[in-house]
C-alpha atoms as a PDB file:
ATOM      1  CA  MET A   1     -56.470  10.581   9.915  1.00  0.00           C
ATOM      2  CA  LEU A   2     -58.201   7.674  12.341  1.00  0.00           C
ATOM      3  CA  ARG A   3     -57.782   8.073  15.844  1.00  0.00           C
ATOM      4  CA  LEU A   4     -55.684   5.011  17.326  1.00  0.00           C
ATOM      5  CA  VAL A   5     -55.821   4.641  21.303  1.00  0.00           C
ATOM      6  CA  ALA A   6     -54.177   2.260  23.412  1.00  0.00           C
ATOM      7  CA  ILE A   7     -56.528   0.711  26.218  1.00  0.00           C
ATOM      8  CA  ALA A   8     -55.022  -1.381  28.740  1.00  0.00           C
ATOM      9  CA  GLN A   9     -57.575  -3.290  31.054  1.00  0.00           C
ATOM     10  CA  ALA A  10     -56.196  -4.030  34.889  1.00  0.00           C
ATOM     11  CA  ARG A  11     -57.732  -5.018  38.198  1.00  0.00           C
ATOM     12  CA  ALA A  12     -56.533  -5.358  41.494  1.00  0.00           C
ATOM     13  CA  ASP A  13     -57.583  -8.858  42.887  1.00  0.00           C
ATOM     14  CA  SER A  14     -56.382 -11.089  40.190  1.00  0.00           C
ATOM     15  CA  SER A  15     -57.041 -14.516  41.405  1.00  0.00           C
ATOM     16  CA  ARG A  16     -54.231 -16.316  40.595  1.00  0.00           C
ATOM     17  CA  LEU A  17     -51.676 -13.181  41.621  1.00  0.00           C
ATOM     18  CA  PRO A  18     -53.453 -10.843  43.418  1.00  0.00           C
ATOM     19  CA  GLY A  19     -51.914  -7.102  43.449  1.00  0.00           C
ATOM     20  CA  LYS A  20     -50.104  -8.089  40.205  1.00  0.00           C
ATOM     21  CA  VAL A  21     -50.124  -5.006  38.518  1.00  0.00           C
ATOM     22  CA  LEU A  22     -48.762  -2.936  41.086  1.00  0.00           C
ATOM     23  CA  MET A  23     -45.663  -5.131  41.901  1.00  0.00           C
ATOM     24  CA  PRO A  24     -42.468  -3.608  41.523  1.00  0.00           C
ATOM     25  CA  ALA A  25     -40.498  -4.490  38.624  1.00  0.00           C
ATOM     26  CA  GLY A  26     -37.354  -2.288  36.956  1.00  0.00           C
ATOM     27  CA  GLY A  27     -37.767   0.776  39.215  1.00  0.00           C
ATOM     28  CA  MET A  28     -41.724   0.967  38.826  1.00  0.00           C
ATOM     29  CA  PRO A  29     -44.819  -0.992  39.366  1.00  0.00           C
ATOM     30  CA  VAL A  30     -45.605  -3.426  36.730  1.00  0.00           C
ATOM     31  CA  LEU A  31     -48.687  -1.301  35.159  1.00  0.00           C
ATOM     32  CA  ALA A  32     -46.456   1.721  34.850  1.00  0.00           C
ATOM     33  CA  GLN A  33     -43.976  -0.371  32.796  1.00  0.00           C
ATOM     34  CA  VAL A  34     -47.363  -1.132  30.436  1.00  0.00           C
ATOM     35  CA  VAL A  35     -48.233   2.171  30.296  1.00  0.00           C
ATOM     36  CA  ARG A  36     -44.711   3.549  29.574  1.00  0.00           C
ATOM     37  CA  ARG A  37     -44.212   0.969  26.460  1.00  0.00           C
ATOM     38  CA  ALA A  38     -47.845   1.772  25.316  1.00  0.00           C
ATOM     39  CA  LYS A  39     -46.952   5.761  24.954  1.00  0.00           C
ATOM     40  CA  ALA A  40     -43.821   4.393  22.874  1.00  0.00           C
ATOM     41  CA  ILE A  41     -46.000   2.538  20.312  1.00  0.00           C
ATOM     42  CA  PRO A  42     -45.677   4.609  17.255  1.00  0.00           C
ATOM     43  CA  GLY A  43     -49.243   6.361  16.182  1.00  0.00           C
ATOM     44  CA  ILE A  44     -50.880   6.167  19.440  1.00  0.00           C
ATOM     45  CA  ALA A  45     -52.590   9.228  20.287  1.00  0.00           C
ATOM     46  CA  ASP A  46     -53.806   8.479  23.557  1.00  0.00           C
ATOM     47  CA  VAL A  47     -53.173   5.609  26.613  1.00  0.00           C
ATOM     48  CA  CYS A  48     -56.211   4.708  28.862  1.00  0.00           C
ATOM     49  CA  VAL A  49     -56.293   2.365  32.080  1.00  0.00           C
ATOM     50  CA  ALA A  50     -59.385   0.883  31.911  1.00  0.00           C
ATOM     51  CA  THR A  51     -60.146  -0.054  35.504  1.00  0.00           C
ATOM     52  CA  SER A  52     -63.404  -1.479  37.293  1.00  0.00           C
ATOM     53  CA  ASP A  53     -65.788   0.901  39.010  1.00  0.00           C
ATOM     54  CA  ARG A  54     -65.103  -0.776  42.581  1.00  0.00           C
ATOM     55  CA  SER A  55     -63.411   0.552  45.505  1.00  0.00           C
ATOM     56  CA  VAL A  56     -61.002  -1.997  45.463  1.00  0.00           C
ATOM     57  CA  ASP A  57     -59.644  -0.633  42.348  1.00  0.00           C
ATOM     58  CA  ASP A  58     -58.977   2.806  43.517  1.00  0.00           C
ATOM     59  CA  VAL A  59     -55.404   1.746  44.070  1.00  0.00           C
ATOM     60  CA  VAL A  60     -55.266   0.786  40.135  1.00  0.00           C
ATOM     61  CA  ALA A  61     -56.529   3.962  38.972  1.00  0.00           C
ATOM     62  CA  LEU A  62     -54.390   5.941  41.176  1.00  0.00           C
ATOM     63  CA  ALA A  63     -51.859   4.256  40.066  1.00  0.00           C
ATOM     64  CA  GLY A  64     -52.365   4.831  35.916  1.00  0.00           C
ATOM     65  CA  ALA A  65     -53.150   8.467  36.535  1.00  0.00           C
ATOM     66  CA  ALA A  66     -49.482   8.429  37.999  1.00  0.00           C
ATOM     67  CA  ALA A  67     -48.177   6.689  35.579  1.00  0.00           C
ATOM     68  CA  GLY A  68     -49.451   9.613  33.001  1.00  0.00           C
ATOM     69  CA  ALA A  69     -52.266   7.378  31.268  1.00  0.00           C
ATOM     70  CA  VAL A  70     -56.083   8.568  30.853  1.00  0.00           C
ATOM     71  CA  VAL A  71     -57.929   6.392  33.632  1.00  0.00           C
ATOM     72  CA  PHE A  72     -61.805   5.281  32.546  1.00  0.00           C
ATOM     73  CA  ARG A  73     -63.748   2.976  34.937  1.00  0.00           C
ATOM     74  CA  GLY A  74     -66.512   0.847  34.405  1.00  0.00           C
ATOM     75  CA  ALA A  75     -68.160  -2.709  34.639  1.00  0.00           C
ATOM     76  CA  ALA A  76     -66.223  -5.061  36.868  1.00  0.00           C
ATOM     77  CA  ASP A  77     -67.152  -8.026  34.951  1.00  0.00           C
ATOM     78  CA  ASP A  78     -68.465  -6.871  31.612  1.00  0.00           C
ATOM     79  CA  VAL A  79     -65.108  -5.691  30.359  1.00  0.00           C
ATOM     80  CA  LEU A  80     -66.394  -5.584  26.712  1.00  0.00           C
ATOM     81  CA  SER A  81     -68.714  -2.788  27.912  1.00  0.00           C
ATOM     82  CA  ARG A  82     -65.780  -1.052  29.810  1.00  0.00           C
ATOM     83  CA  TYR A  83     -64.022  -1.307  26.388  1.00  0.00           C
ATOM     84  CA  VAL A  84     -66.636   0.644  24.691  1.00  0.00           C
ATOM     85  CA  GLY A  85     -67.115   3.291  27.552  1.00  0.00           C
ATOM     86  CA  ALA A  86     -63.438   3.862  27.214  1.00  0.00           C
ATOM     87  CA  ALA A  87     -63.440   3.990  23.297  1.00  0.00           C
ATOM     88  CA  ASN A  88     -66.131   6.612  23.361  1.00  0.00           C
ATOM     89  CA  PHE A  89     -64.677   8.807  26.262  1.00  0.00           C
ATOM     90  CA  LEU A  90     -61.309   9.045  24.338  1.00  0.00           C
ATOM     91  CA  GLN A  91     -63.105   9.220  20.985  1.00  0.00           C
ATOM     92  CA  ALA A  92     -61.524   6.670  19.342  1.00  0.00           C
ATOM     93  CA  ASP A  93     -61.735   5.370  15.742  1.00  0.00           C
ATOM     94  CA  ILE A  94     -59.493   2.486  16.305  1.00  0.00           C
ATOM     95  CA  VAL A  95     -58.758   0.164  19.483  1.00  0.00           C
ATOM     96  CA  MET A  96     -55.691  -1.435  20.758  1.00  0.00           C
ATOM     97  CA  ARG A  97     -56.408  -3.694  23.254  1.00  0.00           C
ATOM     98  CA  LEU A  98     -53.494  -4.439  25.853  1.00  0.00           C
ATOM     99  CA  THR A  99     -53.325  -5.923  29.436  1.00  0.00           C
ATOM    100  CA  CYS A 100     -51.542  -4.546  32.401  1.00  0.00           C
ATOM    101  CA  ASP A 101     -49.973  -7.840  33.191  1.00  0.00           C
ATOM    102  CA  CYS A 102     -47.856  -7.671  30.243  1.00  0.00           C
ATOM    103  CA  PRO A 103     -44.837  -5.489  31.400  1.00  0.00           C
ATOM    104  CA  LEU A 104     -42.473  -6.729  27.885  1.00  0.00           C
ATOM    105  CA  LEU A 105     -44.864  -5.709  25.550  1.00  0.00           C
ATOM    106  CA  ASP A 106     -42.915  -4.339  22.771  1.00  0.00           C
ATOM    107  CA  PRO A 107     -44.093  -1.025  21.237  1.00  0.00           C
ATOM    108  CA  ASN A 108     -42.444  -2.127  17.828  1.00  0.00           C
ATOM    109  CA  LEU A 109     -44.285  -5.480  17.477  1.00  0.00           C
ATOM    110  CA  CYS A 110     -47.685  -3.297  18.553  1.00  0.00           C
ATOM    111  CA  SER A 111     -47.238  -1.147  15.694  1.00  0.00           C
ATOM    112  CA  GLU A 112     -47.013  -3.949  13.285  1.00  0.00           C
ATOM    113  CA  VAL A 113     -50.461  -5.067  14.390  1.00  0.00           C
ATOM    114  CA  ALA A 114     -51.649  -1.868  13.934  1.00  0.00           C
ATOM    115  CA  VAL A 115     -49.933  -1.332  10.346  1.00  0.00           C
ATOM    116  CA  LEU A 116     -51.180  -4.816   9.568  1.00  0.00           C
ATOM    117  CA  ARG A 117     -54.730  -4.239  10.121  1.00  0.00           C
ATOM    118  CA  GLU A 118     -54.627  -0.646   8.212  1.00  0.00           C
ATOM    119  CA  LYS A 119     -52.896  -1.838   5.465  1.00  0.00           C
ATOM    120  CA  ASN A 120     -55.477  -4.932   5.113  1.00  0.00           C
ATOM    121  CA  GLU A 121     -58.911  -2.544   6.052  1.00  0.00           C
ATOM    122  CA  ALA A 122     -59.434  -5.203   8.833  1.00  0.00           C
ATOM    123  CA  ASP A 123     -61.892  -5.244  11.130  1.00  0.00           C
ATOM    124  CA  TYR A 124     -59.463  -6.891  13.563  1.00  0.00           C
ATOM    125  CA  ALA A 125     -55.966  -7.906  13.673  1.00  0.00           C
ATOM    126  CA  SER A 126     -53.845  -9.416  16.038  1.00  0.00           C
ATOM    127  CA  ASN A 127     -50.536 -11.557  17.054  1.00  0.00           C
ATOM    128  CA  VAL A 128     -52.823 -13.983  19.445  1.00  0.00           C
ATOM    129  CA  GLU A 129     -55.018 -16.042  16.984  1.00  0.00           C
ATOM    130  CA  ILE A 130     -52.352 -18.358  16.531  1.00  0.00           C
ATOM    131  CA  PRO A 131     -50.177 -18.516  19.416  1.00  0.00           C
ATOM    132  CA  LEU A 132     -46.674 -18.218  17.885  1.00  0.00           C
ATOM    133  CA  TRP A 133     -45.311 -15.426  19.819  1.00  0.00           C
ATOM    134  CA  PRO A 134     -44.079 -15.612  23.512  1.00  0.00           C
ATOM    135  CA  HIS A 135     -47.033 -15.226  25.770  1.00  0.00           C
ATOM    136  CA  GLY A 136     -47.388 -11.574  27.157  1.00  0.00           C
ATOM    137  CA  LEU A 137     -46.466  -9.929  23.562  1.00  0.00           C
ATOM    138  CA  ASP A 138     -50.239 -10.159  23.220  1.00  0.00           C
ATOM    139  CA  CYS A 139     -51.768  -7.336  21.116  1.00  0.00           C
ATOM    140  CA  GLU A 140     -55.070  -6.768  19.422  1.00  0.00           C
ATOM    141  CA  VAL A 141     -56.148  -3.823  16.918  1.00  0.00           C
ATOM    142  CA  PHE A 142     -59.820  -3.491  15.953  1.00  0.00           C
ATOM    143  CA  THR A 143     -62.029  -0.558  14.540  1.00  0.00           C
ATOM    144  CA  LYS A 144     -64.434   1.139  16.870  1.00  0.00           C
ATOM    145  CA  LYS A 145     -67.482  -0.045  14.880  1.00  0.00           C
ATOM    146  CA  ALA A 146     -66.003  -3.852  15.327  1.00  0.00           C
ATOM    147  CA  LEU A 147     -66.151  -3.181  19.390  1.00  0.00           C
ATOM    148  CA  GLU A 148     -69.663  -1.725  18.970  1.00  0.00           C
ATOM    149  CA  THR A 149     -71.025  -4.756  16.870  1.00  0.00           C
ATOM    150  CA  ALA A 150     -69.481  -7.186  19.820  1.00  0.00           C
ATOM    151  CA  GLN A 151     -71.011  -5.053  22.495  1.00  0.00           C
ATOM    152  CA  ALA A 152     -74.422  -5.191  20.502  1.00  0.00           C
ATOM    153  CA  ASN A 153     -74.186  -9.029  19.866  1.00  0.00           C
ATOM    154  CA  ALA A 154     -72.142 -10.840  22.540  1.00  0.00           C
ATOM    155  CA  GLU A 155     -74.319 -12.583  24.970  1.00  0.00           C
ATOM    156  CA  THR A 156     -72.118 -14.779  27.271  1.00  0.00           C
ATOM    157  CA  LEU A 157     -70.063 -14.016  30.256  1.00  0.00           C
ATOM    158  CA  ALA A 158     -66.770 -15.033  28.478  1.00  0.00           C
ATOM    159  CA  ASP A 159     -67.670 -12.913  25.925  1.00  0.00           C
ATOM    160  CA  ARG A 160     -68.056  -9.989  27.478  1.00  0.00           C
ATOM    161  CA  GLU A 161     -65.394 -10.446  30.171  1.00  0.00           C
ATOM    162  CA  HIS A 162     -62.600 -11.367  27.380  1.00  0.00           C
ATOM    163  CA  VAL A 163     -63.601  -8.499  25.056  1.00  0.00           C
ATOM    164  CA  THR A 164     -62.628 -10.025  21.900  1.00  0.00           C
ATOM    165  CA  PRO A 165     -63.850 -13.834  21.400  1.00  0.00           C
ATOM    166  CA  TRP A 166     -67.047 -12.819  19.671  1.00  0.00           C
ATOM    167  CA  MET A 167     -64.846 -10.947  17.264  1.00  0.00           C
ATOM    168  CA  ARG A 168     -62.605 -13.610  16.646  1.00  0.00           C
ATOM    169  CA  ARG A 169     -65.460 -16.040  15.670  1.00  0.00           C
ATOM    170  CA  ALA A 170     -67.884 -13.469  13.647  1.00  0.00           C
ATOM    171  CA  ALA A 171     -67.581 -14.700  10.440  1.00  0.00           C
ATOM    172  CA  PHE A 172     -68.025 -11.679   8.852  1.00  0.00           C
ATOM    173  CA  LEU A 173     -65.495  -9.612  10.399  1.00  0.00           C
ATOM    174  CA  LYS A 174     -62.433  -9.384   8.198  1.00  0.00           C
ATOM    175  CA  ARG A 175     -59.464 -10.388  10.309  1.00  0.00           C
ATOM    176  CA  VAL A 176     -55.715 -10.429   9.816  1.00  0.00           C
ATOM    177  CA  HIS A 177     -52.930 -12.139  12.038  1.00  0.00           C
ATOM    178  CA  LEU A 178     -49.576 -11.103  12.191  1.00  0.00           C
ATOM    179  CA  PRO A 179     -47.010 -14.358  12.573  1.00  0.00           C
ATOM    180  CA  GLY A 180     -44.738 -14.959  14.821  1.00  0.00           C
ATOM    181  CA  PRO A 181     -41.423 -17.358  15.433  1.00  0.00           C
ATOM    182  CA  GLY A 182     -43.433 -20.088  17.004  1.00  0.00           C
ATOM    183  CA  GLY A 183     -41.586 -23.248  18.230  1.00  0.00           C
ATOM    184  CA  ASP A 184     -39.759 -22.766  21.590  1.00  0.00           C
ATOM    185  CA  LEU A 185     -40.314 -19.005  21.730  1.00  0.00           C
ATOM    186  CA  ALA A 186     -44.308 -19.650  21.641  1.00  0.00           C
ATOM    187  CA  MET A 187     -44.199 -21.447  24.704  1.00  0.00           C
ATOM    188  CA  GLN A 188     -42.158 -18.807  26.877  1.00  0.00           C
ATOM    189  CA  ARG A 189     -44.302 -16.780  29.384  1.00  0.00           C
ATOM    190  CA  TRP A 190     -43.576 -13.142  29.545  1.00  0.00           C
ATOM    191  CA  THR A 191     -47.010 -12.473  31.296  1.00  0.00           C
ATOM    192  CA  LEU A 192     -48.069 -12.390  35.052  1.00  0.00           C
ATOM    193  CA  ASP A 193     -49.976 -15.104  36.207  1.00  0.00           C
ATOM    194  CA  TYR A 194     -47.932 -16.874  38.935  1.00  0.00           C
ATOM    195  CA  PRO A 195     -45.123 -16.010  41.233  1.00  0.00           C
ATOM    196  CA  GLU A 196     -42.760 -17.617  39.078  1.00  0.00           C
ATOM    197  CA  ASP A 197     -44.176 -15.405  36.195  1.00  0.00           C
ATOM    198  CA  TYR A 198     -43.139 -12.444  38.677  1.00  0.00           C
ATOM    199  CA  ALA A 199     -39.676 -13.646  39.191  1.00  0.00           C
ATOM    200  CA  LEU A 200     -38.626 -13.822  35.652  1.00  0.00           C
ATOM    201  CA  VAL A 201     -40.399 -10.752  34.329  1.00  0.00           C
ATOM    202  CA  LYS A 202     -38.686  -8.507  37.414  1.00  0.00           C
ATOM    203  CA  HIS A 203     -35.075  -9.960  36.623  1.00  0.00           C
ATOM    204  CA  VAL A 204     -35.750  -8.812  32.975  1.00  0.00           C
ATOM    205  CA  LEU A 205     -37.017  -5.583  34.038  1.00  0.00           C
ATOM    206  CA  ASP A 206     -34.335  -4.494  36.488  1.00  0.00           C
ATOM    207  CA  ALA A 207     -31.579  -5.809  34.093  1.00  0.00           C
ATOM    208  CA  PHE A 208     -32.770  -3.457  31.495  1.00  0.00           C
ATOM    209  CA  SER A 209     -33.460  -0.572  33.900  1.00  0.00           C
ATOM    210  CA  VAL A 210     -29.600   0.214  34.181  1.00  0.00           C
ATOM    211  CA  ASN A 211     -30.112   2.189  30.905  1.00  0.00           C
ATOM    212  CA  SER A 212     -33.793   2.815  30.931  1.00  0.00           C
ATOM    213  CA  GLN A 213     -34.109   0.788  28.196  1.00  0.00           C
ATOM    214  CA  ILE A 214     -37.165  -0.380  26.423  1.00  0.00           C
ATOM    215  CA  PRO A 215     -36.418  -3.672  25.148  1.00  0.00           C
ATOM    216  CA  GLY A 216     -37.663  -5.108  22.459  1.00  0.00           C
ATOM    217  CA  TRP A 217     -38.888  -8.704  22.157  1.00  0.00           C
ATOM    218  CA  ARG A 218     -35.598  -9.675  20.646  1.00  0.00           C
ATOM    219  CA  SER A 219     -33.563  -8.050  22.639  1.00  0.00           C
ATOM    220  CA  VAL A 220     -35.271 -10.082  25.818  1.00  0.00           C
ATOM    221  CA  VAL A 221     -35.153 -13.256  24.051  1.00  0.00           C
ATOM    222  CA  GLU A 222     -31.018 -12.589  23.713  1.00  0.00           C
ATOM    223  CA  TYR A 223     -31.245 -11.748  27.544  1.00  0.00           C
ATOM    224  CA  LEU A 224     -33.189 -15.069  28.382  1.00  0.00           C
ATOM    225  CA  GLN A 225     -30.588 -16.972  26.317  1.00  0.00           C
ATOM    226  CA  LYS A 226     -27.604 -15.415  27.811  1.00  0.00           C
ATOM    227  CA  ASN A 227     -29.511 -16.405  31.410  1.00  0.00           C
ATOM    228  CA  PRO A 228     -30.959 -19.627  31.298  1.00  0.00           C
ATOM    229  CA  ASP A 229     -31.206 -19.832  34.937  1.00  0.00           C
ATOM    230  CA  VAL A 230     -33.447 -16.445  34.500  1.00  0.00           C
ATOM    231  CA  ALA A 231     -35.455 -18.537  31.725  1.00  0.00           C
ATOM    232  CA  ALA A 232     -36.187 -21.705  33.797  1.00  0.00           C
ATOM    233  CA  LEU A 233     -37.976 -19.550  36.457  1.00  0.00           C
ATOM    234  CA  ASN A 234     -40.989 -20.337  35.405  1.00  0.00           C
ATOM    235  CA  ALA A 235     -40.587 -23.163  32.674  1.00  0.00           C
ATOM    236  CA  MET A 236     -42.854 -25.219  34.617  1.00  0.00           C
ATOM    237  CA  ARG A 237     -45.881 -23.258  33.770  1.00  0.00           C
ATOM    238  CA  ARG A 238     -45.184 -23.481  30.110  1.00  0.00           C
ATOM    239  CA  ASP A 239     -47.868 -24.598  27.547  1.00  0.00           C
ATOM    240  CA  PRO A 240     -46.313 -27.349  25.336  1.00  0.00           C
ATOM    241  CA  ALA A 241     -49.254 -27.164  22.795  1.00  0.00           C
ATOM    242  CA  ARG A 242     -48.094 -23.621  22.073  1.00  0.00           C
ATOM    243  CA  ALA A 243     -44.599 -25.160  20.627  1.00  0.00           C
ATOM    244  CA  ARG A 244     -46.585 -27.384  18.332  1.00  0.00           C
ATOM    245  CA  MET A 245     -48.403 -24.738  16.260  1.00  0.00           C
ATOM    246  CA  PRO A 246     -47.105 -24.310  12.852  1.00  0.00           C
ATOM    247  CA  ASP A 247     -44.047 -22.168  12.689  1.00  0.00           C
ATOM    248  CA  ILE A 248     -45.325 -19.348   9.989  1.00  0.00           C
ATOM    249  CA  LYS A 249     -42.340 -16.749  10.191  1.00  0.00           C
END
């Protein structure tokens, strides 16, 4: 059986919202929320927090270990090589890429992406190539071979910093995409880039922490529909272009 691991990248000094992965939400740091959810993804053998080897990220490494994740440290800007190192360390066959600034990720949705890749024997699967999901549910799954091929061929700083762009362009790789709801939902921001994003995410996680729940994406949608004041907290940061994507439910 192929070994599927989740690798979530993180750093302490985000330019737009420094320290965001360590901010509290729902009774624990954002990074711990991500690890908790990643551990709940069906079929995941290991969860790794991949951070840099800079001293500024020591606190991220400590937080990852405290949350129960394997911690791997590598190059600060060459995140692609960091992923290769983490995948090798974990003896992965298949890698699920997550980020530690998306604490509302849905374990079952991530599993759907992994199953889609497996059923199609694809090199790469995601729910991000066509942005039809709320930003913050992002999940990419790819083979170790595809990751190593990207490592050998990706040359630009952007390709190496963002890990998967080369894979998403390579014509010879087989890619599949998980359709999403599109429309207004695709415009919503459940990730952390701005203080307004944190305000929304904290409201949601604090609300669900009462019952120690891991809310699925539909539960979050229902909560935001019932609490439009919360949904409006980061509305000014939405990208209207995402709503114009084709709705392929």
